Amino acid sequence: MSIPFLSCMLVTAHFYGLPPRALPSIQAVEGGQVGMVHPNTDGSADLGLMQINTVWVVPIARVLHETPAQISVRLIHDACFSIAAAGDILKLHYLERHDWMLAIGDYHSHTPLLNTSYQVMVSNRAALLFASK
């Protein structure tokens, strides 16, 4: 199984001090693609390769001094930007929890059951992606 944009994921993991298998495994679970917009039932949407939720658009725009529209376009169409944003979000969750698996679960949801379920999905996907053959 190939991992799209692996070089961007490795650079981002190194920059943020993330476990190197986290971003590829999250992307595999999210199933995002460049150009993808997935609407959610709560009115938000998940954008691009890493399926960054639109709740992050304004905070990212503030930090980068860009408009929310510019950030949305970049998240949807620029895979490496999407990966870098995911890395930043994952690191923020880690700094709150001091536990990588809880942070990975938080990438999806802070609701305990959804968080735990997502942790299992990402862990299982990592086992498939990185299994020794």
N, C-alpha and C. Protein backbone atom coordinates (compact mmCIF):
# COMPACT_ATOMS: atom_id res chain seq x y z
N MET A 1 0.86 -1.18 0.00
CA MET A 1 0.00 0.00 0.00
C MET A 1 0.90 1.24 0.00
N SER A 2 0.68 2.13 -0.94
CA SER A 2 1.50 3.34 -1.01
C SER A 2 0.91 4.43 -0.11
N ILE A 3 1.78 5.34 0.28
CA ILE A 3 1.37 6.46 1.12
C ILE A 3 1.56 7.74 0.31
N PRO A 4 0.46 8.43 -0.04
CA PRO A 4 0.61 9.65 -0.85
C PRO A 4 1.28 10.77 -0.05
N PHE A 5 2.15 11.49 -0.74
CA PHE A 5 2.79 12.68 -0.16
C PHE A 5 3.60 12.35 1.09
N LEU A 6 4.24 11.19 1.09
CA LEU A 6 5.01 10.73 2.25
C LEU A 6 6.11 11.72 2.63
N SER A 7 6.77 12.33 1.65
CA SER A 7 7.85 13.27 1.98
C SER A 7 7.32 14.46 2.77
N CYS A 8 6.15 14.99 2.40
CA CYS A 8 5.57 16.09 3.17
C CYS A 8 5.21 15.64 4.59
N MET A 9 4.74 14.41 4.71
CA MET A 9 4.39 13.88 6.03
C MET A 9 5.62 13.72 6.91
N LEU A 10 6.71 13.24 6.33
CA LEU A 10 7.94 13.06 7.11
C LEU A 10 8.54 14.39 7.54
N VAL A 11 8.53 15.37 6.64
CA VAL A 11 9.04 16.71 6.99
C VAL A 11 8.18 17.31 8.11
N THR A 12 6.86 17.19 7.97
CA THR A 12 5.95 17.74 8.99
C THR A 12 6.14 17.03 10.32
N ALA A 13 6.25 15.71 10.30
CA ALA A 13 6.45 14.95 11.53
C ALA A 13 7.74 15.38 12.22
N HIS A 14 8.79 15.56 11.44
CA HIS A 14 10.06 16.00 12.02
C HIS A 14 9.93 17.41 12.61
N PHE A 15 9.32 18.32 11.86
CA PHE A 15 9.19 19.71 12.31
C PHE A 15 8.42 19.80 13.62
N TYR A 16 7.31 19.06 13.74
CA TYR A 16 6.47 19.14 14.93
C TYR A 16 6.81 18.10 15.99
N GLY A 17 7.75 17.23 15.72
CA GLY A 17 8.11 16.20 16.69
C GLY A 17 7.02 15.16 16.86
N LEU A 18 6.35 14.81 15.77
CA LEU A 18 5.26 13.83 15.80
C LEU A 18 5.80 12.43 15.58
N PRO A 19 5.07 11.43 16.06
CA PRO A 19 5.43 10.06 15.67
C PRO A 19 5.33 9.96 14.14
N PRO A 20 6.35 9.44 13.46
CA PRO A 20 6.37 9.47 12.00
C PRO A 20 5.26 8.68 11.33
N ARG A 21 4.66 7.74 12.02
CA ARG A 21 3.58 6.96 11.42
C ARG A 21 2.20 7.57 11.63
N ALA A 22 2.11 8.62 12.42
CA ALA A 22 0.81 9.19 12.77
C ALA A 22 0.09 9.80 11.56
N LEU A 23 0.75 10.69 10.84
CA LEU A 23 0.07 11.38 9.73
C LEU A 23 -0.33 10.43 8.60
N PRO A 24 0.55 9.51 8.16
CA PRO A 24 0.09 8.58 7.13
C PRO A 24 -1.10 7.73 7.58
N SER A 25 -1.10 7.34 8.84
CA SER A 25 -2.18 6.50 9.36
C SER A 25 -3.48 7.29 9.47
N ILE A 26 -3.39 8.54 9.91
CA ILE A 26 -4.58 9.40 9.98
C ILE A 26 -5.14 9.63 8.59
N GLN A 27 -4.26 9.92 7.63
CA GLN A 27 -4.72 10.17 6.27
C GLN A 27 -5.42 8.94 5.69
N ALA A 28 -4.88 7.77 5.99
CA ALA A 28 -5.49 6.55 5.48
C ALA A 28 -6.88 6.34 6.06
N VAL A 29 -7.07 6.68 7.33
CA VAL A 29 -8.39 6.57 7.95
C VAL A 29 -9.33 7.64 7.40
N GLU A 30 -8.84 8.86 7.29
CA GLU A 30 -9.67 9.96 6.80
C GLU A 30 -10.09 9.75 5.34
N GLY A 31 -9.20 9.18 4.56
CA GLY A 31 -9.53 8.91 3.16
C GLY A 31 -9.64 10.16 2.31
N GLY A 32 -9.02 11.25 2.75
CA GLY A 32 -9.10 12.49 2.00
C GLY A 32 -8.26 12.46 0.74
N GLN A 33 -8.59 13.35 -0.16
CA GLN A 33 -7.86 13.51 -1.41
C GLN A 33 -7.76 14.99 -1.72
N VAL A 34 -6.76 15.33 -2.51
CA VAL A 34 -6.65 16.71 -2.98
C VAL A 34 -7.92 17.04 -3.74
N GLY A 35 -8.52 18.19 -3.40
CA GLY A 35 -9.74 18.65 -4.04
C GLY A 35 -11.02 18.20 -3.35
N MET A 36 -10.92 17.34 -2.36
CA MET A 36 -12.10 16.79 -1.70
C MET A 36 -12.66 17.74 -0.64
N VAL A 37 -13.98 17.88 -0.64
CA VAL A 37 -14.71 18.58 0.41
C VAL A 37 -15.82 17.64 0.85
N HIS A 38 -15.82 17.30 2.13
CA HIS A 38 -16.82 16.37 2.66
C HIS A 38 -17.70 17.11 3.67
N PRO A 39 -18.97 17.39 3.31
CA PRO A 39 -19.87 18.08 4.24
C PRO A 39 -20.23 17.17 5.43
N ASN A 40 -20.34 17.78 6.59
CA ASN A 40 -20.74 17.07 7.80
C ASN A 40 -22.17 17.46 8.20
N THR A 41 -22.81 16.63 8.98
CA THR A 41 -24.19 16.89 9.37
C THR A 41 -24.33 18.13 10.25
N ASP A 42 -23.25 18.55 10.91
CA ASP A 42 -23.33 19.73 11.79
C ASP A 42 -23.14 21.05 11.04
N GLY A 43 -23.03 20.99 9.71
CA GLY A 43 -22.85 22.20 8.93
C GLY A 43 -21.40 22.53 8.61
N SER A 44 -20.47 21.85 9.25
CA SER A 44 -19.06 22.04 8.93
C SER A 44 -18.72 21.14 7.73
N ALA A 45 -17.47 21.22 7.31
CA ALA A 45 -17.00 20.34 6.24
C ALA A 45 -15.56 19.95 6.53
N ASP A 46 -15.15 18.82 5.99
CA ASP A 46 -13.77 18.36 6.08
C ASP A 46 -13.12 18.59 4.73
N LEU A 47 -11.92 19.19 4.76
CA LEU A 47 -11.30 19.70 3.55
C LEU A 47 -10.00 18.99 3.19
N GLY A 48 -9.87 18.63 1.93
CA GLY A 48 -8.60 18.20 1.37
C GLY A 48 -8.07 16.86 1.82
N LEU A 49 -6.79 16.67 1.59
CA LEU A 49 -6.12 15.39 1.83
C LEU A 49 -6.28 14.91 3.27
N MET A 50 -6.08 15.79 4.23
CA MET A 50 -6.12 15.40 5.63
C MET A 50 -7.49 15.64 6.27
N GLN A 51 -8.46 16.06 5.46
CA GLN A 51 -9.83 16.28 5.93
C GLN A 51 -9.87 17.17 7.16
N ILE A 52 -9.22 18.33 7.05
CA ILE A 52 -9.20 19.33 8.12
C ILE A 52 -10.60 19.94 8.22
N ASN A 53 -11.18 19.92 9.41
CA ASN A 53 -12.52 20.47 9.60
C ASN A 53 -12.49 21.98 9.47
N THR A 54 -13.56 22.54 8.93
CA THR A 54 -13.64 23.98 8.71
C THR A 54 -13.58 24.80 10.00
N VAL A 55 -13.78 24.19 11.16
CA VAL A 55 -13.62 24.94 12.41
C VAL A 55 -12.19 25.46 12.57
N TRP A 56 -11.24 24.87 11.87
CA TRP A 56 -9.84 25.27 11.96
C TRP A 56 -9.48 26.39 10.98
N VAL A 57 -10.33 26.70 10.03
CA VAL A 57 -9.99 27.66 8.98
C VAL A 57 -9.68 29.04 9.55
N VAL A 58 -10.54 29.57 10.39
CA VAL A 58 -10.32 30.91 10.94
C VAL A 58 -9.07 30.96 11.84
N PRO A 59 -8.88 30.01 12.76
CA PRO A 59 -7.64 30.06 13.54
C PRO A 59 -6.37 29.98 12.68
N ILE A 60 -6.38 29.14 11.66
CA ILE A 60 -5.21 29.05 10.78
C ILE A 60 -5.03 30.36 10.03
N ALA A 61 -6.12 30.94 9.56
CA ALA A 61 -6.05 32.22 8.84
C ALA A 61 -5.45 33.31 9.71
N ARG A 62 -5.85 33.34 10.97
CA ARG A 62 -5.31 34.36 11.89
C ARG A 62 -3.80 34.21 12.04
N VAL A 63 -3.35 32.99 12.24
CA VAL A 63 -1.91 32.74 12.44
C VAL A 63 -1.11 33.11 11.20
N LEU A 64 -1.64 32.77 10.03
CA LEU A 64 -0.90 32.98 8.78
C LEU A 64 -1.20 34.32 8.12
N HIS A 65 -2.08 35.12 8.73
CA HIS A 65 -2.45 36.43 8.18
C HIS A 65 -2.95 36.31 6.74
N GLU A 66 -3.82 35.33 6.55
CA GLU A 66 -4.49 35.13 5.27
C GLU A 66 -5.99 35.15 5.53
N THR A 67 -6.76 35.26 4.47
CA THR A 67 -8.21 35.24 4.64
C THR A 67 -8.67 33.79 4.82
N PRO A 68 -9.81 33.60 5.49
CA PRO A 68 -10.37 32.25 5.58
C PRO A 68 -10.58 31.60 4.21
N ALA A 69 -10.97 32.40 3.22
CA ALA A 69 -11.15 31.85 1.87
C ALA A 69 -9.84 31.32 1.31
N GLN A 70 -8.75 32.06 1.53
CA GLN A 70 -7.43 31.59 1.05
C GLN A 70 -7.03 30.30 1.75
N ILE A 71 -7.27 30.22 3.04
CA ILE A 71 -6.92 29.01 3.80
C ILE A 71 -7.76 27.83 3.32
N SER A 72 -9.03 28.04 3.11
CA SER A 72 -9.89 26.96 2.62
C SER A 72 -9.38 26.41 1.29
N VAL A 73 -9.05 27.30 0.38
CA VAL A 73 -8.54 26.87 -0.93
C VAL A 73 -7.25 26.09 -0.76
N ARG A 74 -6.37 26.57 0.09
CA ARG A 74 -5.09 25.88 0.30
C ARG A 74 -5.30 24.51 0.94
N LEU A 75 -6.19 24.42 1.93
CA LEU A 75 -6.46 23.13 2.56
C LEU A 75 -7.05 22.13 1.58
N ILE A 76 -7.89 22.62 0.68
CA ILE A 76 -8.54 21.74 -0.29
C ILE A 76 -7.57 21.29 -1.38
N HIS A 77 -6.74 22.20 -1.87
CA HIS A 77 -5.98 21.93 -3.09
C HIS A 77 -4.48 21.72 -2.91
N ASP A 78 -3.93 22.03 -1.75
CA ASP A 78 -2.48 21.91 -1.54
C ASP A 78 -2.23 20.80 -0.50
N ALA A 79 -1.81 19.65 -0.99
CA ALA A 79 -1.64 18.49 -0.11
C ALA A 79 -0.64 18.76 1.01
N CYS A 80 0.49 19.36 0.68
CA CYS A 80 1.50 19.58 1.72
C CYS A 80 1.03 20.62 2.74
N PHE A 81 0.25 21.59 2.31
CA PHE A 81 -0.32 22.55 3.26
C PHE A 81 -1.31 21.84 4.19
N SER A 82 -2.12 20.96 3.64
CA SER A 82 -3.08 20.19 4.43
C SER A 82 -2.35 19.33 5.46
N ILE A 83 -1.26 18.71 5.03
CA ILE A 83 -0.46 17.87 5.93
C ILE A 83 0.16 18.71 7.03
N ALA A 84 0.72 19.87 6.68
CA ALA A 84 1.32 20.75 7.68
C ALA A 84 0.27 21.22 8.69
N ALA A 85 -0.93 21.56 8.21
CA ALA A 85 -2.00 21.97 9.12
C ALA A 85 -2.38 20.81 10.04
N ALA A 86 -2.47 19.61 9.49
CA ALA A 86 -2.79 18.44 10.32
C ALA A 86 -1.72 18.22 11.37
N GLY A 87 -0.47 18.40 10.99
CA GLY A 87 0.62 18.25 11.96
C GLY A 87 0.52 19.26 13.08
N ASP A 88 0.21 20.49 12.73
CA ASP A 88 0.06 21.54 13.74
C ASP A 88 -1.11 21.22 14.68
N ILE A 89 -2.22 20.79 14.11
CA ILE A 89 -3.40 20.45 14.91
C ILE A 89 -3.09 19.28 15.85
N LEU A 90 -2.43 18.26 15.31
CA LEU A 90 -2.08 17.10 16.13
C LEU A 90 -1.14 17.50 17.27
N LYS A 91 -0.17 18.35 16.98
CA LYS A 91 0.75 18.81 18.03
C LYS A 91 0.02 19.62 19.09
N LEU A 92 -0.94 20.47 18.68
CA LEU A 92 -1.73 21.23 19.65
C LEU A 92 -2.49 20.29 20.58
N HIS A 93 -3.09 19.25 20.01
CA HIS A 93 -3.81 18.28 20.84
C HIS A 93 -2.85 17.56 21.79
N TYR A 94 -1.66 17.23 21.30
CA TYR A 94 -0.68 16.56 22.15
C TYR A 94 -0.28 17.47 23.33
N LEU A 95 -0.08 18.74 23.04
CA LEU A 95 0.33 19.67 24.10
C LEU A 95 -0.76 19.82 25.17
N GLU A 96 -2.02 19.61 24.78
CA GLU A 96 -3.13 19.65 25.74
C GLU A 96 -3.19 18.37 26.57
N ARG A 97 -2.89 17.23 25.98
CA ARG A 97 -3.13 15.92 26.61
C ARG A 97 -1.87 15.19 27.06
N HIS A 98 -0.73 15.50 26.44
CA HIS A 98 0.54 14.83 26.73
C HIS A 98 0.45 13.31 26.52
N ASP A 99 -0.33 12.93 25.53
CA ASP A 99 -0.49 11.51 25.18
C ASP A 99 -0.79 11.46 23.69
N TRP A 100 0.06 10.77 22.93
CA TRP A 100 -0.10 10.76 21.48
C TRP A 100 -1.40 10.10 21.04
N MET A 101 -1.79 9.01 21.67
CA MET A 101 -3.01 8.33 21.23
C MET A 101 -4.25 9.19 21.53
N LEU A 102 -4.29 9.84 22.69
CA LEU A 102 -5.41 10.74 22.96
C LEU A 102 -5.43 11.90 21.96
N ALA A 103 -4.25 12.41 21.62
CA ALA A 103 -4.16 13.50 20.64
C ALA A 103 -4.67 13.04 19.28
N ILE A 104 -4.31 11.83 18.89
CA ILE A 104 -4.79 11.28 17.62
C ILE A 104 -6.31 11.15 17.67
N GLY A 105 -6.85 10.67 18.77
CA GLY A 105 -8.30 10.60 18.91
C GLY A 105 -8.95 11.97 18.85
N ASP A 106 -8.30 12.96 19.46
CA ASP A 106 -8.82 14.33 19.44
C ASP A 106 -8.83 14.92 18.04
N TYR A 107 -7.96 14.44 17.17
CA TYR A 107 -7.97 14.90 15.77
C TYR A 107 -9.35 14.69 15.16
N HIS A 108 -10.02 13.64 15.62
CA HIS A 108 -11.37 13.33 15.14
C HIS A 108 -12.44 13.91 16.06
N SER A 109 -12.30 13.68 17.37
CA SER A 109 -13.35 14.10 18.31
C SER A 109 -12.82 14.10 19.74
N HIS A 110 -13.30 15.05 20.53
CA HIS A 110 -13.01 15.06 21.96
C HIS A 110 -14.02 14.22 22.75
N THR A 111 -15.06 13.75 22.10
CA THR A 111 -16.04 12.87 22.75
C THR A 111 -15.37 11.54 23.04
N PRO A 112 -15.35 11.10 24.32
CA PRO A 112 -14.56 9.91 24.68
C PRO A 112 -14.78 8.68 23.80
N LEU A 113 -16.01 8.30 23.55
CA LEU A 113 -16.25 7.09 22.75
C LEU A 113 -15.75 7.25 21.32
N LEU A 114 -16.00 8.42 20.71
CA LEU A 114 -15.54 8.66 19.35
C LEU A 114 -14.01 8.76 19.29
N ASN A 115 -13.43 9.36 20.33
CA ASN A 115 -11.98 9.48 20.42
C ASN A 115 -11.35 8.08 20.46
N THR A 116 -11.85 7.24 21.33
CA THR A 116 -11.30 5.89 21.48
C THR A 116 -11.48 5.07 20.20
N SER A 117 -12.64 5.17 19.59
CA SER A 117 -12.90 4.45 18.35
C SER A 117 -11.93 4.89 17.25
N TYR A 118 -11.68 6.18 17.17
CA TYR A 118 -10.76 6.70 16.16
C TYR A 118 -9.33 6.24 16.43
N GLN A 119 -8.93 6.22 17.70
CA GLN A 119 -7.61 5.72 18.06
C GLN A 119 -7.42 4.29 17.55
N VAL A 120 -8.43 3.46 17.73
CA VAL A 120 -8.37 2.07 17.29
C VAL A 120 -8.26 2.00 15.77
N MET A 121 -9.06 2.80 15.08
CA MET A 121 -9.00 2.79 13.61
C MET A 121 -7.62 3.21 13.10
N VAL A 122 -7.05 4.25 13.69
CA VAL A 122 -5.74 4.73 13.26
C VAL A 122 -4.66 3.70 13.60
N SER A 123 -4.76 3.12 14.77
CA SER A 123 -3.79 2.09 15.16
C SER A 123 -3.86 0.88 14.23
N ASN A 124 -5.06 0.45 13.91
CA ASN A 124 -5.23 -0.68 12.99
C ASN A 124 -4.70 -0.34 11.60
N ARG A 125 -4.95 0.88 11.14
CA ARG A 125 -4.46 1.27 9.82
C ARG A 125 -2.94 1.34 9.81
N ALA A 126 -2.35 1.82 10.91
CA ALA A 126 -0.89 1.87 11.00
C ALA A 126 -0.31 0.46 10.91
N ALA A 127 -0.95 -0.48 11.58
CA ALA A 127 -0.48 -1.87 11.53
C ALA A 127 -0.50 -2.40 10.09
N LEU A 128 -1.51 -2.03 9.32
CA LEU A 128 -1.59 -2.46 7.92
C LEU A 128 -0.55 -1.75 7.06
N LEU A 129 -0.42 -0.44 7.25
CA LEU A 129 0.51 0.35 6.43
C LEU A 129 1.96 -0.03 6.67
N PHE A 130 2.29 -0.34 7.91
CA PHE A 130 3.69 -0.51 8.28
C PHE A 130 4.04 -1.94 8.68
N ALA A 131 3.22 -2.89 8.28
CA ALA A 131 3.47 -4.30 8.58
C ALA A 131 4.73 -4.76 7.85
N SER A 132 5.52 -5.55 8.52
CA SER A 132 6.70 -6.16 7.88
C SER A 132 6.22 -7.29 6.97
N LYS A 133 6.80 -7.35 5.81
CA LYS A 133 6.38 -8.39 4.86
C LYS A 133 7.47 -9.41 4.68
